[in-house]
């Protein structure tokens, strides 16, 4: 009986440790490397919650704000109200907000139902291939589909400097 309890405790400890390592909180000003070909927009494979592929080419000519998150990631959840505010501020501009999780469509949909965010939720099919190792992670692609911003960690997206950065990316605030 004691051995079984120790095994369970070890498994829980490993799961908690992985969650802490994989999910970073706090504001971060350092951008992740933008040079890797592994982060090209054409390599990102997303599906909607009905399992249909999302072709990012349909957003050509628009800035794409792509946030990778998970339902269990506290900094991801804390960041969402600021993403929603940024989305509302930029609603009349050519900016598309997508929130992608590696979880099942059922888990994402349950989160969507439980929360009142008006997001375009998606499933990421290949987060390892595009080197998303920490949550939250945000990529911003310019209207030409070029990655111009990449960052891991929590950020207050509704702050003026972040709104201005997104606008500059879409050439709306030169």
C-alpha atoms as a PDB file:
ATOM      1  CA  UNK A   1       0.000   0.000   0.000  1.00  0.00           C
ATOM      2  CA  UNK A   2       2.796   2.457   0.899  1.00  0.00           C
ATOM      3  CA  UNK A   3       4.634   1.706  -2.344  1.00  0.00           C
ATOM      4  CA  UNK A   4       1.510   2.480  -4.362  1.00  0.00           C
ATOM      5  CA  UNK A   5       1.075   5.812  -2.528  1.00  0.00           C
ATOM      6  CA  UNK A   6       4.714   6.739  -3.198  1.00  0.00           C
ATOM      7  CA  UNK A   7       4.285   6.017  -6.904  1.00  0.00           C
ATOM      8  CA  UNK A   8       1.189   8.197  -7.029  1.00  0.00           C
ATOM      9  CA  UNK A   9       2.970  11.013  -5.176  1.00  0.00           C
ATOM     10  CA  UNK A  10       5.920  10.805  -7.600  1.00  0.00           C
ATOM     11  CA  UNK A  11       3.608  10.947 -10.613  1.00  0.00           C
ATOM     12  CA  UNK A  12       1.786  13.975  -9.227  1.00  0.00           C
ATOM     13  CA  UNK A  13       5.107  15.686  -8.427  1.00  0.00           C
ATOM     14  CA  UNK A  14       6.410  15.112 -11.947  1.00  0.00           C
ATOM     15  CA  UNK A  15       3.165  16.426 -13.449  1.00  0.00           C
ATOM     16  CA  UNK A  16       3.283  19.550 -11.267  1.00  0.00           C
ATOM     17  CA  UNK A  17       6.951  20.142 -12.076  1.00  0.00           C
ATOM     18  CA  UNK A  18       6.251  19.818 -15.797  1.00  0.00           C
ATOM     19  CA  UNK A  19       3.358  22.268 -15.475  1.00  0.00           C
ATOM     20  CA  UNK A  20       5.535  24.810 -13.690  1.00  0.00           C
ATOM     21  CA  UNK A  21       8.348  24.505 -16.226  1.00  0.00           C
ATOM     22  CA  UNK A  22       6.069  24.587 -19.270  1.00  0.00           C
ATOM     23  CA  UNK A  23       3.931  27.516 -18.178  1.00  0.00           C
ATOM     24  CA  UNK A  24       5.747  30.780 -17.534  1.00  0.00           C
ATOM     25  CA  UNK A  25       4.215  33.741 -15.798  1.00  0.00           C
ATOM     26  CA  UNK A  26       5.236  37.324 -15.341  1.00  0.00           C
ATOM     27  CA  UNK A  27       5.780  40.066 -17.871  1.00  0.00           C
ATOM     28  CA  UNK A  28       8.538  39.383 -20.341  1.00  0.00           C
ATOM     29  CA  UNK A  29      10.136  41.947 -22.582  1.00  0.00           C
ATOM     30  CA  UNK A  30      12.543  39.616 -24.318  1.00  0.00           C
ATOM     31  CA  UNK A  31      11.400  38.289 -27.672  1.00  0.00           C
ATOM     32  CA  UNK A  32      12.170  34.749 -28.652  1.00  0.00           C
ATOM     33  CA  UNK A  33      14.359  34.231 -31.690  1.00  0.00           C
ATOM     34  CA  UNK A  34      12.741  35.339 -34.935  1.00  0.00           C
ATOM     35  CA  UNK A  35      15.306  33.699 -37.174  1.00  0.00           C
ATOM     36  CA  UNK A  36      14.216  30.071 -37.118  1.00  0.00           C
ATOM     37  CA  UNK A  37      12.592  28.667 -40.244  1.00  0.00           C
ATOM     38  CA  UNK A  38      10.619  26.410 -37.890  1.00  0.00           C
ATOM     39  CA  UNK A  39       8.314  29.367 -37.161  1.00  0.00           C
ATOM     40  CA  UNK A  40       7.271  30.145 -40.727  1.00  0.00           C
ATOM     41  CA  UNK A  41       3.554  30.706 -41.085  1.00  0.00           C
ATOM     42  CA  UNK A  42       3.258  27.999 -43.739  1.00  0.00           C
ATOM     43  CA  UNK A  43       4.437  25.377 -41.231  1.00  0.00           C
ATOM     44  CA  UNK A  44       1.731  26.143 -38.667  1.00  0.00           C
ATOM     45  CA  UNK A  45      -1.073  23.579 -38.771  1.00  0.00           C
ATOM     46  CA  UNK A  46      -4.295  24.687 -37.097  1.00  0.00           C
ATOM     47  CA  UNK A  47      -7.753  23.156 -37.017  1.00  0.00           C
ATOM     48  CA  UNK A  48     -11.016  24.681 -35.885  1.00  0.00           C
ATOM     49  CA  UNK A  49     -12.986  23.023 -33.099  1.00  0.00           C
ATOM     50  CA  UNK A  50     -14.909  20.990 -35.694  1.00  0.00           C
ATOM     51  CA  UNK A  51     -11.667  19.428 -36.945  1.00  0.00           C
ATOM     52  CA  UNK A  52     -11.501  21.452 -40.170  1.00  0.00           C
ATOM     53  CA  UNK A  53      -8.065  22.777 -41.212  1.00  0.00           C
ATOM     54  CA  UNK A  54      -7.599  26.534 -40.908  1.00  0.00           C
ATOM     55  CA  UNK A  55      -5.786  27.928 -43.929  1.00  0.00           C
ATOM     56  CA  UNK A  56      -3.821  30.959 -42.694  1.00  0.00           C
ATOM     57  CA  UNK A  57      -3.519  32.142 -46.312  1.00  0.00           C
ATOM     58  CA  UNK A  58      -7.096  33.405 -46.023  1.00  0.00           C
ATOM     59  CA  UNK A  59      -5.731  36.120 -43.714  1.00  0.00           C
ATOM     60  CA  UNK A  60      -3.147  37.356 -46.215  1.00  0.00           C
ATOM     61  CA  UNK A  61      -3.061  41.145 -46.076  1.00  0.00           C
ATOM     62  CA  UNK A  62      -3.944  41.127 -42.361  1.00  0.00           C
ATOM     63  CA  UNK A  63      -1.841  41.017 -39.231  1.00  0.00           C
ATOM     64  CA  UNK A  64      -2.195  37.679 -37.452  1.00  0.00           C
ATOM     65  CA  UNK A  65      -1.943  37.631 -33.651  1.00  0.00           C
ATOM     66  CA  UNK A  66      -1.481  33.960 -32.743  1.00  0.00           C
ATOM     67  CA  UNK A  67      -1.438  33.062 -29.046  1.00  0.00           C
ATOM     68  CA  UNK A  68      -0.608  29.530 -27.883  1.00  0.00           C
ATOM     69  CA  UNK A  69      -2.223  28.635 -24.553  1.00  0.00           C
ATOM     70  CA  UNK A  70      -3.730  25.828 -22.477  1.00  0.00           C
ATOM     71  CA  UNK A  71      -6.724  25.524 -20.175  1.00  0.00           C
ATOM     72  CA  UNK A  72      -4.454  24.490 -17.273  1.00  0.00           C
ATOM     73  CA  UNK A  73      -1.950  27.361 -17.742  1.00  0.00           C
ATOM     74  CA  UNK A  74      -2.589  30.071 -15.147  1.00  0.00           C
ATOM     75  CA  UNK A  75      -0.576  32.844 -16.907  1.00  0.00           C
ATOM     76  CA  UNK A  76      -2.415  31.999 -20.144  1.00  0.00           C
ATOM     77  CA  UNK A  77      -5.781  32.469 -18.447  1.00  0.00           C
ATOM     78  CA  UNK A  78      -4.621  35.657 -16.690  1.00  0.00           C
ATOM     79  CA  UNK A  79      -3.504  37.079 -20.043  1.00  0.00           C
ATOM     80  CA  UNK A  80      -6.828  36.453 -21.805  1.00  0.00           C
ATOM     81  CA  UNK A  81      -8.729  39.542 -20.566  1.00  0.00           C
ATOM     82  CA  UNK A  82      -5.921  41.728 -21.916  1.00  0.00           C
ATOM     83  CA  UNK A  83      -5.994  39.902 -25.265  1.00  0.00           C
ATOM     84  CA  UNK A  84      -9.761  40.407 -25.426  1.00  0.00           C
ATOM     85  CA  UNK A  85      -9.371  44.129 -24.687  1.00  0.00           C
ATOM     86  CA  UNK A  86      -6.676  44.433 -27.376  1.00  0.00           C
ATOM     87  CA  UNK A  87      -8.945  42.591 -29.799  1.00  0.00           C
ATOM     88  CA  UNK A  88     -11.760  45.042 -29.005  1.00  0.00           C
ATOM     89  CA  UNK A  89      -9.481  48.071 -29.387  1.00  0.00           C
ATOM     90  CA  UNK A  90      -8.259  46.790 -32.763  1.00  0.00           C
ATOM     91  CA  UNK A  91     -11.608  45.443 -34.001  1.00  0.00           C
ATOM     92  CA  UNK A  92     -11.834  47.913 -36.906  1.00  0.00           C
ATOM     93  CA  UNK A  93      -8.320  47.205 -38.099  1.00  0.00           C
ATOM     94  CA  UNK A  94      -6.899  44.403 -40.210  1.00  0.00           C
ATOM     95  CA  UNK A  95      -5.822  42.263 -37.257  1.00  0.00           C
ATOM     96  CA  UNK A  96      -6.944  38.670 -36.738  1.00  0.00           C
ATOM     97  CA  UNK A  97      -6.683  37.168 -33.243  1.00  0.00           C
ATOM     98  CA  UNK A  98      -6.350  33.381 -33.001  1.00  0.00           C
ATOM     99  CA  UNK A  99      -5.907  31.418 -29.780  1.00  0.00           C
ATOM    100  CA  UNK A 100      -4.498  27.947 -30.328  1.00  0.00           C
ATOM    101  CA  UNK A 101      -4.195  25.101 -27.828  1.00  0.00           C
ATOM    102  CA  UNK A 102      -2.763  21.624 -28.187  1.00  0.00           C
ATOM    103  CA  UNK A 103      -5.603  20.216 -26.115  1.00  0.00           C
ATOM    104  CA  UNK A 104      -8.589  18.339 -27.488  1.00  0.00           C
ATOM    105  CA  UNK A 105     -11.420  20.197 -29.193  1.00  0.00           C
ATOM    106  CA  UNK A 106     -13.678  19.062 -26.338  1.00  0.00           C
ATOM    107  CA  UNK A 107     -11.416  20.615 -23.690  1.00  0.00           C
ATOM    108  CA  UNK A 108     -11.117  23.875 -25.625  1.00  0.00           C
ATOM    109  CA  UNK A 109     -14.851  23.989 -26.254  1.00  0.00           C
ATOM    110  CA  UNK A 110     -15.618  23.373 -22.566  1.00  0.00           C
ATOM    111  CA  UNK A 111     -13.339  26.300 -21.722  1.00  0.00           C
ATOM    112  CA  UNK A 112     -15.041  28.436 -24.382  1.00  0.00           C
ATOM    113  CA  UNK A 113     -18.467  27.667 -22.924  1.00  0.00           C
ATOM    114  CA  UNK A 114     -17.321  28.360 -19.342  1.00  0.00           C
ATOM    115  CA  UNK A 115     -15.765  31.730 -20.251  1.00  0.00           C
ATOM    116  CA  UNK A 116     -17.292  34.630 -22.097  1.00  0.00           C
ATOM    117  CA  UNK A 117     -14.392  35.481 -24.397  1.00  0.00           C
ATOM    118  CA  UNK A 118     -15.163  36.159 -28.052  1.00  0.00           C
ATOM    119  CA  UNK A 119     -12.056  34.484 -29.439  1.00  0.00           C
ATOM    120  CA  UNK A 120     -11.329  32.494 -32.556  1.00  0.00           C
ATOM    121  CA  UNK A 121     -10.217  29.275 -30.852  1.00  0.00           C
ATOM    122  CA  UNK A 122      -8.154  26.694 -32.713  1.00  0.00           C
ATOM    123  CA  UNK A 123      -6.214  23.499 -32.140  1.00  0.00           C
ATOM    124  CA  UNK A 124      -2.507  23.486 -32.916  1.00  0.00           C
ATOM    125  CA  UNK A 125      -1.485  20.240 -34.560  1.00  0.00           C
ATOM    126  CA  UNK A 126       2.289  20.675 -34.535  1.00  0.00           C
ATOM    127  CA  UNK A 127       3.495  22.827 -31.645  1.00  0.00           C
ATOM    128  CA  UNK A 128       6.715  20.796 -31.320  1.00  0.00           C
ATOM    129  CA  UNK A 129       7.534  21.242 -35.003  1.00  0.00           C
ATOM    130  CA  UNK A 130       7.227  25.032 -34.746  1.00  0.00           C
ATOM    131  CA  UNK A 131       9.174  25.002 -31.478  1.00  0.00           C
ATOM    132  CA  UNK A 132       6.482  26.195 -29.062  1.00  0.00           C
ATOM    133  CA  UNK A 133       7.934  24.917 -25.796  1.00  0.00           C
ATOM    134  CA  UNK A 134       6.479  27.329 -23.237  1.00  0.00           C
ATOM    135  CA  UNK A 135       3.002  28.699 -22.632  1.00  0.00           C
ATOM    136  CA  UNK A 136       1.798  31.261 -23.235  1.00  0.00           C
ATOM    137  CA  UNK A 137       3.665  32.000 -26.461  1.00  0.00           C
ATOM    138  CA  UNK A 138       2.584  34.668 -28.919  1.00  0.00           C
ATOM    139  CA  UNK A 139       3.539  35.044 -32.581  1.00  0.00           C
ATOM    140  CA  UNK A 140       2.588  38.093 -34.625  1.00  0.00           C
ATOM    141  CA  UNK A 141       2.779  37.889 -38.397  1.00  0.00           C
ATOM    142  CA  UNK A 142       2.673  40.987 -40.595  1.00  0.00           C
ATOM    143  CA  UNK A 143       0.259  41.268 -43.555  1.00  0.00           C
ATOM    144  CA  UNK A 144       2.874  39.546 -45.763  1.00  0.00           C
ATOM    145  CA  UNK A 145       2.864  36.474 -43.493  1.00  0.00           C
ATOM    146  CA  UNK A 146       6.299  37.218 -42.030  1.00  0.00           C
ATOM    147  CA  UNK A 147       6.925  36.543 -38.347  1.00  0.00           C
ATOM    148  CA  UNK A 148       7.744  39.936 -36.823  1.00  0.00           C
ATOM    149  CA  UNK A 149       7.200  39.189 -33.126  1.00  0.00           C
ATOM    150  CA  UNK A 150       7.657  36.078 -31.009  1.00  0.00           C
ATOM    151  CA  UNK A 151       7.570  35.925 -27.231  1.00  0.00           C
ATOM    152  CA  UNK A 152       7.029  33.477 -24.423  1.00  0.00           C
ATOM    153  CA  UNK A 153       5.367  34.462 -21.179  1.00  0.00           C
ATOM    154  CA  UNK A 154       2.565  36.668 -19.945  1.00  0.00           C
ATOM    155  CA  UNK A 155       2.053  40.172 -21.361  1.00  0.00           C
ATOM    156  CA  UNK A 156      -0.602  42.839 -20.842  1.00  0.00           C
ATOM    157  CA  UNK A 157      -1.743  43.096 -24.439  1.00  0.00           C
ATOM    158  CA  UNK A 158      -4.135  45.990 -23.823  1.00  0.00           C
ATOM    159  CA  UNK A 159      -1.386  48.389 -22.748  1.00  0.00           C
ATOM    160  CA  UNK A 160      -0.779  51.294 -25.123  1.00  0.00           C
ATOM    161  CA  UNK A 161       2.753  50.249 -26.094  1.00  0.00           C
ATOM    162  CA  UNK A 162       1.522  46.767 -27.074  1.00  0.00           C
ATOM    163  CA  UNK A 163      -1.448  48.129 -29.038  1.00  0.00           C
ATOM    164  CA  UNK A 164       0.929  50.524 -30.821  1.00  0.00           C
ATOM    165  CA  UNK A 165       3.300  47.641 -31.616  1.00  0.00           C
ATOM    166  CA  UNK A 166       0.470  45.592 -33.134  1.00  0.00           C
ATOM    167  CA  UNK A 167      -0.711  48.627 -35.127  1.00  0.00           C
ATOM    168  CA  UNK A 168       2.815  49.281 -36.388  1.00  0.00           C
ATOM    169  CA  UNK A 169       3.012  45.653 -37.491  1.00  0.00           C
ATOM    170  CA  UNK A 170      -0.081  46.172 -39.617  1.00  0.00           C
ATOM    171  CA  UNK A 171       1.267  49.514 -40.923  1.00  0.00           C
ATOM    172  CA  UNK A 172      -1.689  51.372 -39.424  1.00  0.00           C
ATOM    173  CA  UNK A 173       0.290  53.603 -37.074  1.00  0.00           C
ATOM    174  CA  UNK A 174       3.421  54.723 -38.945  1.00  0.00           C
END
